[in-house]
C-alpha atoms as a PDB file:
ATOM      1  CA  UNK A   1      39.246 -57.224-175.330  1.00  0.00           C
ATOM      2  CA  UNK A   2      40.968 -54.202-173.642  1.00  0.00           C
ATOM      3  CA  UNK A   3      41.347 -54.224-170.066  1.00  0.00           C
ATOM      4  CA  UNK A   4      41.798 -50.607-168.635  1.00  0.00           C
ATOM      5  CA  UNK A   5      43.679 -49.657-165.288  1.00  0.00           C
ATOM      6  CA  UNK A   6      41.298 -47.169-163.479  1.00  0.00           C
ATOM      7  CA  UNK A   7      43.083 -44.854-161.121  1.00  0.00           C
ATOM      8  CA  UNK A   8      41.044 -43.247-158.265  1.00  0.00           C
ATOM      9  CA  UNK A   9      42.016 -39.556-158.418  1.00  0.00           C
ATOM     10  CA  UNK A  10      40.400 -39.113-155.095  1.00  0.00           C
ATOM     11  CA  UNK A  11      42.892 -41.806-153.703  1.00  0.00           C
ATOM     12  CA  UNK A  12      45.917 -40.101-155.449  1.00  0.00           C
ATOM     13  CA  UNK A  13      44.791 -36.733-153.965  1.00  0.00           C
ATOM     14  CA  UNK A  14      44.596 -38.246-150.263  1.00  0.00           C
ATOM     15  CA  UNK A  15      47.684 -39.821-150.837  1.00  0.00           C
ATOM     16  CA  UNK A  16      49.380 -36.652-151.895  1.00  0.00           C
ATOM     17  CA  UNK A  17      47.750 -34.766-148.903  1.00  0.00           C
ATOM     18  CA  UNK A  18      49.466 -37.269-146.412  1.00  0.00           C
ATOM     19  CA  UNK A  19      52.814 -36.980-148.028  1.00  0.00           C
ATOM     20  CA  UNK A  20      52.386 -32.951-147.509  1.00  0.00           C
ATOM     21  CA  UNK A  21      50.747 -32.995-143.839  1.00  0.00           C
ATOM     22  CA  UNK A  22      52.044 -36.076-141.970  1.00  0.00           C
ATOM     23  CA  UNK A  23      55.832 -34.831-141.947  1.00  0.00           C
ATOM     24  CA  UNK A  24      54.732 -31.376-140.722  1.00  0.00           C
ATOM     25  CA  UNK A  25      52.317 -32.790-138.270  1.00  0.00           C
ATOM     26  CA  UNK A  26      54.824 -35.129-136.751  1.00  0.00           C
ATOM     27  CA  UNK A  27      57.020 -32.006-136.552  1.00  0.00           C
ATOM     28  CA  UNK A  28      54.630 -30.064-134.860  1.00  0.00           C
ATOM     29  CA  UNK A  29      53.937 -32.805-132.011  1.00  0.00           C
ATOM     30  CA  UNK A  30      57.701 -32.748-131.321  1.00  0.00           C
ATOM     31  CA  UNK A  31      57.508 -28.992-130.855  1.00  0.00           C
ATOM     32  CA  UNK A  32      54.516 -29.485-128.827  1.00  0.00           C
ATOM     33  CA  UNK A  33      56.633 -32.000-126.530  1.00  0.00           C
ATOM     34  CA  UNK A  34      59.682 -29.767-126.488  1.00  0.00           C
ATOM     35  CA  UNK A  35      57.525 -26.899-125.156  1.00  0.00           C
ATOM     36  CA  UNK A  36      56.078 -28.812-122.540  1.00  0.00           C
ATOM     37  CA  UNK A  37      59.169 -30.695-121.351  1.00  0.00           C
ATOM     38  CA  UNK A  38      61.403 -27.557-121.379  1.00  0.00           C
ATOM     39  CA  UNK A  39      61.930 -25.640-118.115  1.00  0.00           C
ATOM     40  CA  UNK A  40      59.583 -22.729-117.711  1.00  0.00           C
ATOM     41  CA  UNK A  41      61.127 -19.505-116.276  1.00  0.00           C
ATOM     42  CA  UNK A  42      59.980 -16.253-115.303  1.00  0.00           C
ATOM     43  CA  UNK A  43      62.584 -13.746-116.094  1.00  0.00           C
ATOM     44  CA  UNK A  44      63.554 -10.603-114.102  1.00  0.00           C
ATOM     45  CA  UNK A  45      61.550  -8.636-116.606  1.00  0.00           C
ATOM     46  CA  UNK A  46      58.541 -10.581-115.426  1.00  0.00           C
ATOM     47  CA  UNK A  47      58.101 -12.446-118.807  1.00  0.00           C
ATOM     48  CA  UNK A  48      57.442 -16.339-119.014  1.00  0.00           C
ATOM     49  CA  UNK A  49      59.725 -18.297-121.250  1.00  0.00           C
ATOM     50  CA  UNK A  50      60.795 -21.755-122.363  1.00  0.00           C
ATOM     51  CA  UNK A  51      64.501 -22.736-122.039  1.00  0.00           C
ATOM     52  CA  UNK A  52      66.612 -24.976-124.067  1.00  0.00           C
ATOM     53  CA  UNK A  53      69.517 -25.472-121.163  1.00  0.00           C
ATOM     54  CA  UNK A  54      69.405 -25.962-117.509  1.00  0.00           C
ATOM     55  CA  UNK A  55      71.277 -23.718-114.968  1.00  0.00           C
ATOM     56  CA  UNK A  56      73.985 -26.128-114.641  1.00  0.00           C
ATOM     57  CA  UNK A  57      74.546 -26.636-118.635  1.00  0.00           C
ATOM     58  CA  UNK A  58      74.382 -22.879-119.110  1.00  0.00           C
ATOM     59  CA  UNK A  59      77.139 -22.553-116.556  1.00  0.00           C
ATOM     60  CA  UNK A  60      79.235 -25.446-117.884  1.00  0.00           C
ATOM     61  CA  UNK A  61      78.917 -23.939-121.573  1.00  0.00           C
ATOM     62  CA  UNK A  62      79.505 -20.292-120.477  1.00  0.00           C
ATOM     63  CA  UNK A  63      82.536 -21.214-118.611  1.00  0.00           C
ATOM     64  CA  UNK A  64      84.013 -23.402-121.702  1.00  0.00           C
ATOM     65  CA  UNK A  65      83.332 -20.387-124.096  1.00  0.00           C
ATOM     66  CA  UNK A  66      84.935 -17.945-121.544  1.00  0.00           C
ATOM     67  CA  UNK A  67      88.139 -20.020-121.478  1.00  0.00           C
ATOM     68  CA  UNK A  68      88.306 -20.176-125.133  1.00  0.00           C
ATOM     69  CA  UNK A  69      88.029 -16.309-125.616  1.00  0.00           C
ATOM     70  CA  UNK A  70      90.876 -15.893-123.399  1.00  0.00           C
ATOM     71  CA  UNK A  71      93.090 -18.496-124.991  1.00  0.00           C
ATOM     72  CA  UNK A  72      92.604 -16.721-128.234  1.00  0.00           C
ATOM     73  CA  UNK A  73      93.149 -13.119-127.115  1.00  0.00           C
ATOM     74  CA  UNK A  74      95.483 -11.085-124.809  1.00  0.00           C
ATOM     75  CA  UNK A  75      94.186 -10.624-121.320  1.00  0.00           C
ATOM     76  CA  UNK A  76      94.845  -7.193-119.483  1.00  0.00           C
ATOM     77  CA  UNK A  77      95.720  -8.273-116.064  1.00  0.00           C
ATOM     78  CA  UNK A  78      96.897  -4.870-114.565  1.00  0.00           C
ATOM     79  CA  UNK A  79      96.761  -1.283-114.785  1.00  0.00           C
ATOM     80  CA  UNK A  80      93.742   1.473-114.516  1.00  0.00           C
ATOM     81  CA  UNK A  81      91.705   0.109-117.400  1.00  0.00           C
ATOM     82  CA  UNK A  82      91.865  -3.321-115.605  1.00  0.00           C
ATOM     83  CA  UNK A  83      90.921  -1.729-112.237  1.00  0.00           C
ATOM     84  CA  UNK A  84      87.959   0.167-113.852  1.00  0.00           C
ATOM     85  CA  UNK A  85      86.554  -3.153-115.459  1.00  0.00           C
ATOM     86  CA  UNK A  86      86.751  -5.003-112.250  1.00  0.00           C
ATOM     87  CA  UNK A  87      85.210  -2.064-110.022  1.00  0.00           C
ATOM     88  CA  UNK A  88      82.455  -1.572-112.199  1.00  0.00           C
ATOM     89  CA  UNK A  89      81.571  -5.516-112.560  1.00  0.00           C
ATOM     90  CA  UNK A  90      81.828  -5.694-108.823  1.00  0.00           C
ATOM     91  CA  UNK A  91      79.140  -3.118-108.251  1.00  0.00           C
ATOM     92  CA  UNK A  92      77.051  -4.300-110.962  1.00  0.00           C
ATOM     93  CA  UNK A  93      76.948  -8.034-109.616  1.00  0.00           C
ATOM     94  CA  UNK A  94      76.024  -6.786-106.172  1.00  0.00           C
ATOM     95  CA  UNK A  95      73.046  -4.682-107.855  1.00  0.00           C
ATOM     96  CA  UNK A  96      71.693  -7.732-109.534  1.00  0.00           C
ATOM     97  CA  UNK A  97      70.466  -8.936-106.396  1.00  0.00           C
ATOM     98  CA  UNK A  98      68.125 -12.036-106.618  1.00  0.00           C
ATOM     99  CA  UNK A  99      68.396 -11.890-110.244  1.00  0.00           C
ATOM    100  CA  UNK A 100      72.040 -12.810-110.161  1.00  0.00           C
ATOM    101  CA  UNK A 101      71.495 -15.492-107.162  1.00  0.00           C
ATOM    102  CA  UNK A 102      73.583 -18.628-108.069  1.00  0.00           C
ATOM    103  CA  UNK A 103      76.007 -16.766-110.455  1.00  0.00           C
ATOM    104  CA  UNK A 104      79.510 -16.824-110.353  1.00  0.00           C
ATOM    105  CA  UNK A 105      80.449 -13.682-111.575  1.00  0.00           C
ATOM    106  CA  UNK A 106      83.948 -13.148-113.227  1.00  0.00           C
ATOM    107  CA  UNK A 107      85.183 -10.235-115.594  1.00  0.00           C
ATOM    108  CA  UNK A 108      88.215 -10.229-118.055  1.00  0.00           C
ATOM    109  CA  UNK A 109      89.552  -7.330-119.940  1.00  0.00           C
ATOM    110  CA  UNK A 110      90.840  -8.243-123.379  1.00  0.00           C
ATOM    111  CA  UNK A 111      93.094  -6.059-125.684  1.00  0.00           C
ATOM    112  CA  UNK A 112      91.366  -5.744-128.826  1.00  0.00           C
ATOM    113  CA  UNK A 113      90.174  -3.033-131.210  1.00  0.00           C
ATOM    114  CA  UNK A 114      86.665  -4.442-131.161  1.00  0.00           C
ATOM    115  CA  UNK A 115      83.947  -2.033-129.693  1.00  0.00           C
ATOM    116  CA  UNK A 116      82.286  -4.967-127.800  1.00  0.00           C
ATOM    117  CA  UNK A 117      81.486  -6.477-124.432  1.00  0.00           C
ATOM    118  CA  UNK A 118      79.331  -9.622-123.396  1.00  0.00           C
ATOM    119  CA  UNK A 119      78.278 -11.536-120.640  1.00  0.00           C
ATOM    120  CA  UNK A 120      78.205 -15.461-121.176  1.00  0.00           C
ATOM    121  CA  UNK A 121      75.484 -17.624-119.392  1.00  0.00           C
ATOM    122  CA  UNK A 122      76.381 -18.027-115.756  1.00  0.00           C
ATOM    123  CA  UNK A 123      78.152 -14.883-115.334  1.00  0.00           C
ATOM    124  CA  UNK A 124      81.263 -14.659-117.122  1.00  0.00           C
ATOM    125  CA  UNK A 125      82.098 -11.309-118.558  1.00  0.00           C
ATOM    126  CA  UNK A 126      84.545 -10.041-121.298  1.00  0.00           C
ATOM    127  CA  UNK A 127      85.370  -6.583-122.238  1.00  0.00           C
ATOM    128  CA  UNK A 128      87.341  -5.616-125.150  1.00  0.00           C
ATOM    129  CA  UNK A 129      89.669  -2.480-124.576  1.00  0.00           C
ATOM    130  CA  UNK A 130      87.947  -1.139-127.877  1.00  0.00           C
ATOM    131  CA  UNK A 131      84.968  -0.381-126.299  1.00  0.00           C
ATOM    132  CA  UNK A 132      86.620   1.780-123.437  1.00  0.00           C
ATOM    133  CA  UNK A 133      86.881   5.238-125.652  1.00  0.00           C
ATOM    134  CA  UNK A 134      83.237   4.869-126.464  1.00  0.00           C
ATOM    135  CA  UNK A 135      82.175   4.109-123.049  1.00  0.00           C
ATOM    136  CA  UNK A 136      84.245   7.366-122.104  1.00  0.00           C
ATOM    137  CA  UNK A 137      83.044   7.163-118.311  1.00  0.00           C
ATOM    138  CA  UNK A 138      82.724   4.826-115.552  1.00  0.00           C
ATOM    139  CA  UNK A 139      79.002   5.224-115.946  1.00  0.00           C
ATOM    140  CA  UNK A 140      79.260   4.707-119.558  1.00  0.00           C
ATOM    141  CA  UNK A 141      80.766   1.477-119.200  1.00  0.00           C
ATOM    142  CA  UNK A 142      78.406   0.379-116.265  1.00  0.00           C
ATOM    143  CA  UNK A 143      75.655   1.092-118.837  1.00  0.00           C
ATOM    144  CA  UNK A 144      77.194  -1.436-121.474  1.00  0.00           C
ATOM    145  CA  UNK A 145      78.171  -4.135-118.688  1.00  0.00           C
ATOM    146  CA  UNK A 146      74.680  -3.786-117.131  1.00  0.00           C
ATOM    147  CA  UNK A 147      73.128  -4.342-120.475  1.00  0.00           C
ATOM    148  CA  UNK A 148      75.385  -7.285-121.043  1.00  0.00           C
ATOM    149  CA  UNK A 149      74.715  -8.953-117.774  1.00  0.00           C
ATOM    150  CA  UNK A 150      70.895  -8.481-117.848  1.00  0.00           C
ATOM    151  CA  UNK A 151      71.147 -10.923-120.822  1.00  0.00           C
ATOM    152  CA  UNK A 152      72.682 -13.600-118.453  1.00  0.00           C
ATOM    153  CA  UNK A 153      70.179 -13.098-115.663  1.00  0.00           C
ATOM    154  CA  UNK A 154      67.307 -13.180-117.977  1.00  0.00           C
ATOM    155  CA  UNK A 155      68.834 -16.356-119.484  1.00  0.00           C
ATOM    156  CA  UNK A 156      68.233 -14.907-122.948  1.00  0.00           C
ATOM    157  CA  UNK A 157      70.691 -17.431-124.686  1.00  0.00           C
ATOM    158  CA  UNK A 158      68.969 -20.487-123.075  1.00  0.00           C
ATOM    159  CA  UNK A 159      65.552 -19.180-124.367  1.00  0.00           C
ATOM    160  CA  UNK A 160      66.909 -18.385-127.837  1.00  0.00           C
ATOM    161  CA  UNK A 161      68.381 -21.831-127.863  1.00  0.00           C
ATOM    162  CA  UNK A 162      64.857 -23.410-127.424  1.00  0.00           C
ATOM    163  CA  UNK A 163      63.283 -20.896-129.911  1.00  0.00           C
ATOM    164  CA  UNK A 164      66.071 -22.045-132.645  1.00  0.00           C
ATOM    165  CA  UNK A 165      65.540 -25.929-131.899  1.00  0.00           C
ATOM    166  CA  UNK A 166      61.516 -25.460-132.384  1.00  0.00           C
ATOM    167  CA  UNK A 167      62.179 -23.656-135.632  1.00  0.00           C
ATOM    168  CA  UNK A 168      64.580 -26.059-136.999  1.00  0.00           C
ATOM    169  CA  UNK A 169      62.197 -28.938-135.901  1.00  0.00           C
ATOM    170  CA  UNK A 170      59.579 -27.288-137.966  1.00  0.00           C
ATOM    171  CA  UNK A 171      61.798 -26.637-141.055  1.00  0.00           C
ATOM    172  CA  UNK A 172      62.738 -30.035-141.021  1.00  0.00           C
ATOM    173  CA  UNK A 173      59.164 -31.466-141.051  1.00  0.00           C
ATOM    174  CA  UNK A 174      58.605 -29.047-144.135  1.00  0.00           C
ATOM    175  CA  UNK A 175      61.754 -30.341-145.677  1.00  0.00           C
ATOM    176  CA  UNK A 176      60.412 -33.961-145.579  1.00  0.00           C
ATOM    177  CA  UNK A 177      57.039 -32.848-146.716  1.00  0.00           C
ATOM    178  CA  UNK A 178      58.227 -31.436-149.998  1.00  0.00           C
ATOM    179  CA  UNK A 179      60.969 -34.004-150.678  1.00  0.00           C
ATOM    180  CA  UNK A 180      59.121 -35.404-153.619  1.00  0.00           C
ATOM    181  CA  UNK A 181      59.040 -32.135-155.593  1.00  0.00           C
ATOM    182  CA  UNK A 182      62.001 -30.997-157.855  1.00  0.00           C
ATOM    183  CA  UNK A 183      65.283 -29.365-156.392  1.00  0.00           C
ATOM    184  CA  UNK A 184      64.252 -25.926-157.430  1.00  0.00           C
ATOM    185  CA  UNK A 185      60.771 -25.971-156.030  1.00  0.00           C
ATOM    186  CA  UNK A 186      62.256 -27.412-152.770  1.00  0.00           C
ATOM    187  CA  UNK A 187      64.791 -24.539-152.501  1.00  0.00           C
ATOM    188  CA  UNK A 188      62.272 -22.020-153.196  1.00  0.00           C
ATOM    189  CA  UNK A 189      59.948 -23.270-150.445  1.00  0.00           C
ATOM    190  CA  UNK A 190      62.655 -23.699-147.856  1.00  0.00           C
ATOM    191  CA  UNK A 191      64.382 -20.375-148.902  1.00  0.00           C
ATOM    192  CA  UNK A 192      61.065 -18.523-148.325  1.00  0.00           C
ATOM    193  CA  UNK A 193      60.198 -20.294-145.042  1.00  0.00           C
ATOM    194  CA  UNK A 194      63.526 -19.698-143.800  1.00  0.00           C
ATOM    195  CA  UNK A 195      63.663 -15.972-144.333  1.00  0.00           C
ATOM    196  CA  UNK A 196      60.220 -15.998-142.836  1.00  0.00           C
ATOM    197  CA  UNK A 197      61.465 -17.423-139.875  1.00  0.00           C
ATOM    198  CA  UNK A 198      64.436 -15.184-139.650  1.00  0.00           C
ATOM    199  CA  UNK A 199      62.887 -12.041-140.150  1.00  0.00           C
ATOM    200  CA  UNK A 200      59.432 -12.683-138.705  1.00  0.00           C
ATOM    201  CA  UNK A 201      60.388 -14.874-135.587  1.00  0.00           C
ATOM    202  CA  UNK A 202      64.014 -14.980-134.687  1.00  0.00           C
ATOM    203  CA  UNK A 203      65.178 -11.322-135.448  1.00  0.00           C
ATOM    204  CA  UNK A 204      61.939  -9.814-133.405  1.00  0.00           C
ATOM    205  CA  UNK A 205      62.870 -12.329-130.613  1.00  0.00           C
ATOM    206  CA  UNK A 206      66.299 -11.100-130.338  1.00  0.00           C
ATOM    207  CA  UNK A 207      65.327  -7.550-130.698  1.00  0.00           C
ATOM    208  CA  UNK A 208      62.733  -8.280-127.526  1.00  0.00           C
ATOM    209  CA  UNK A 209      65.797  -9.599-125.714  1.00  0.00           C
ATOM    210  CA  UNK A 210      67.721  -6.385-126.365  1.00  0.00           C
ATOM    211  CA  UNK A 211      64.930  -4.391-124.965  1.00  0.00           C
ATOM    212  CA  UNK A 212      64.418  -6.283-121.861  1.00  0.00           C
ATOM    213  CA  UNK A 213      68.447  -6.196-121.338  1.00  0.00           C
ATOM    214  CA  UNK A 214      68.151  -2.386-121.840  1.00  0.00           C
ATOM    215  CA  UNK A 215      65.379  -2.183-119.311  1.00  0.00           C
ATOM    216  CA  UNK A 216      67.071  -4.341-116.467  1.00  0.00           C
ATOM    217  CA  UNK A 217      70.629  -3.046-117.376  1.00  0.00           C
ATOM    218  CA  UNK A 218      69.535   0.551-116.770  1.00  0.00           C
ATOM    219  CA  UNK A 219      68.082  -0.631-113.340  1.00  0.00           C
ATOM    220  CA  UNK A 220      71.257  -2.415-112.403  1.00  0.00           C
ATOM    221  CA  UNK A 221      73.649   0.395-113.097  1.00  0.00           C
ATOM    222  CA  UNK A 222      71.120   2.773-111.307  1.00  0.00           C
ATOM    223  CA  UNK A 223      71.042   0.430-108.020  1.00  0.00           C
ATOM    224  CA  UNK A 224      74.822   0.401-108.420  1.00  0.00           C
ATOM    225  CA  UNK A 225      74.839   3.851-107.816  1.00  0.00           C
ATOM    226  CA  UNK A 226      75.820   5.036-111.647  1.00  0.00           C
ATOM    227  CA  UNK A 227      73.644   7.846-113.210  1.00  0.00           C
ATOM    228  CA  UNK A 228      71.250   6.004-115.514  1.00  0.00           C
ATOM    229  CA  UNK A 229      71.233   9.174-118.050  1.00  0.00           C
ATOM    230  CA  UNK A 230      74.749   8.164-118.970  1.00  0.00           C
ATOM    231  CA  UNK A 231      73.128   5.013-120.628  1.00  0.00           C
ATOM    232  CA  UNK A 232      71.589   7.191-123.288  1.00  0.00           C
ATOM    233  CA  UNK A 233      74.748   9.206-123.822  1.00  0.00           C
ATOM    234  CA  UNK A 234      76.478   6.005-124.271  1.00  0.00           C
ATOM    235  CA  UNK A 235      73.904   4.610-126.826  1.00  0.00           C
ATOM    236  CA  UNK A 236      74.251   8.133-128.675  1.00  0.00           C
ATOM    237  CA  UNK A 237      77.993   7.679-128.818  1.00  0.00           C
ATOM    238  CA  UNK A 238      77.315   4.156-130.321  1.00  0.00           C
ATOM    239  CA  UNK A 239      75.022   5.702-132.874  1.00  0.00           C
ATOM    240  CA  UNK A 240      77.358   8.251-133.917  1.00  0.00           C
ATOM    241  CA  UNK A 241      80.152   5.550-134.354  1.00  0.00           C
ATOM    242  CA  UNK A 242      78.044   3.059-136.174  1.00  0.00           C
ATOM    243  CA  UNK A 243      77.246   5.915-138.721  1.00  0.00           C
ATOM    244  CA  UNK A 244      75.400   5.006-141.747  1.00  0.00           C
ATOM    245  CA  UNK A 245      76.792   1.418-141.909  1.00  0.00           C
ATOM    246  CA  UNK A 246      74.212   0.172-139.494  1.00  0.00           C
ATOM    247  CA  UNK A 247      71.522  -2.302-141.213  1.00  0.00           C
ATOM    248  CA  UNK A 248      67.837  -1.334-141.017  1.00  0.00           C
ATOM    249  CA  UNK A 249      66.234  -2.347-137.811  1.00  0.00           C
ATOM    250  CA  UNK A 250      63.950  -4.775-139.832  1.00  0.00           C
ATOM    251  CA  UNK A 251      67.198  -6.663-140.764  1.00  0.00           C
ATOM    252  CA  UNK A 252      68.971  -6.870-137.629  1.00  0.00           C
ATOM    253  CA  UNK A 253      68.731  -8.577-134.437  1.00  0.00           C
ATOM    254  CA  UNK A 254      69.195  -5.545-132.423  1.00  0.00           C
ATOM    255  CA  UNK A 255      66.815  -2.466-132.212  1.00  0.00           C
ATOM    256  CA  UNK A 256      68.070   0.543-133.973  1.00  0.00           C
ATOM    257  CA  UNK A 257      70.060   3.050-131.689  1.00  0.00           C
ATOM    258  CA  UNK A 258      67.239   5.538-132.340  1.00  0.00           C
ATOM    259  CA  UNK A 259      64.683   3.170-130.998  1.00  0.00           C
ATOM    260  CA  UNK A 260      66.886   1.886-128.345  1.00  0.00           C
ATOM    261  CA  UNK A 261      67.513   5.549-126.914  1.00  0.00           C
ATOM    262  CA  UNK A 262      63.767   6.405-127.064  1.00  0.00           C
ATOM    263  CA  UNK A 263      62.945   3.442-125.082  1.00  0.00           C
ATOM    264  CA  UNK A 264      65.579   4.417-122.405  1.00  0.00           C
ATOM    265  CA  UNK A 265      64.139   7.917-122.257  1.00  0.00           C
ATOM    266  CA  UNK A 266      60.921   6.149-121.390  1.00  0.00           C
ATOM    267  CA  UNK A 267      62.406   4.213-118.583  1.00  0.00           C
ATOM    268  CA  UNK A 268      64.543   6.859-117.194  1.00  0.00           C
ATOM    269  CA  UNK A 269      61.949   8.155-114.416  1.00  0.00           C
ATOM    270  CA  UNK A 270      62.071   4.790-112.723  1.00  0.00           C
ATOM    271  CA  UNK A 271      65.756   4.215-113.205  1.00  0.00           C
ATOM    272  CA  UNK A 272      66.373   7.868-111.562  1.00  0.00           C
ATOM    273  CA  UNK A 273      64.158   6.771-108.615  1.00  0.00           C
ATOM    274  CA  UNK A 274      66.492   3.575-108.060  1.00  0.00           C
ATOM    275  CA  UNK A 275      69.627   5.946-108.757  1.00  0.00           C
ATOM    276  CA  UNK A 276      68.583   8.376-105.763  1.00  0.00           C
ATOM    277  CA  UNK A 277      67.927   5.498-103.372  1.00  0.00           C
ATOM    278  CA  UNK A 278      71.511   4.065-104.180  1.00  0.00           C
ATOM    279  CA  UNK A 279      73.270   7.622-103.455  1.00  0.00           C
ATOM    280  CA  UNK A 280      74.934   8.051-100.147  1.00  0.00           C
ATOM    281  CA  UNK A 281      72.883   9.803 -97.570  1.00  0.00           C
END
């Protein structure tokens, strides 16, 4: 007599579904917990966001990064360029008003050909000498510094960290879900999802931040008494310098210079009102 082993295909299918679904479900629950336990913050642009760091953690990490940058670069501590950068930073810091409340603003000029400037969480600003010829004027410098300071007041770094943590949690869940597949299939699925997250979530998220920083930075420079029209001129010079080497907007965390200039032109009437208020009577 032959004894046959009957395998219930429905049972096997259910088990297969559980293998796929449970890790992703757990990951989504973790993201749900992360979302509701994270600090909720309404930024100066009026948008509500969830943050990955407390204010104190931002200040601590910002200061550590600031010290590290200055260790690795030659700091300019005197001269007309140094005085220019300090003057612009001082006027802009005052113009941030309540947005910059509690910030410990500081600025350093670093000798480097890089066309760059940034503001770390908590208010530590670094300007590279390479950006000064592109800024061209004091108002041009105020445009780029105001933009970078706006990233800090809007706490974009902390928000970006929260988004990255949530994305990584979901990706880890998917990785466990496909763990029984062969290596090639795993790589294909994770690669596709990674590209989707990068280009569909994280990069547009970064471009939204850039647009907010443009909006706030334009107002900060206007309130500091700098002609906001100089921001448009500055970004046009940046576009000329980038030339054809700039990546397509879809593949970049920053909007194209053309998009940015177009947005700034739309914001200009409000900024000019603020500028007129700031002018001496």
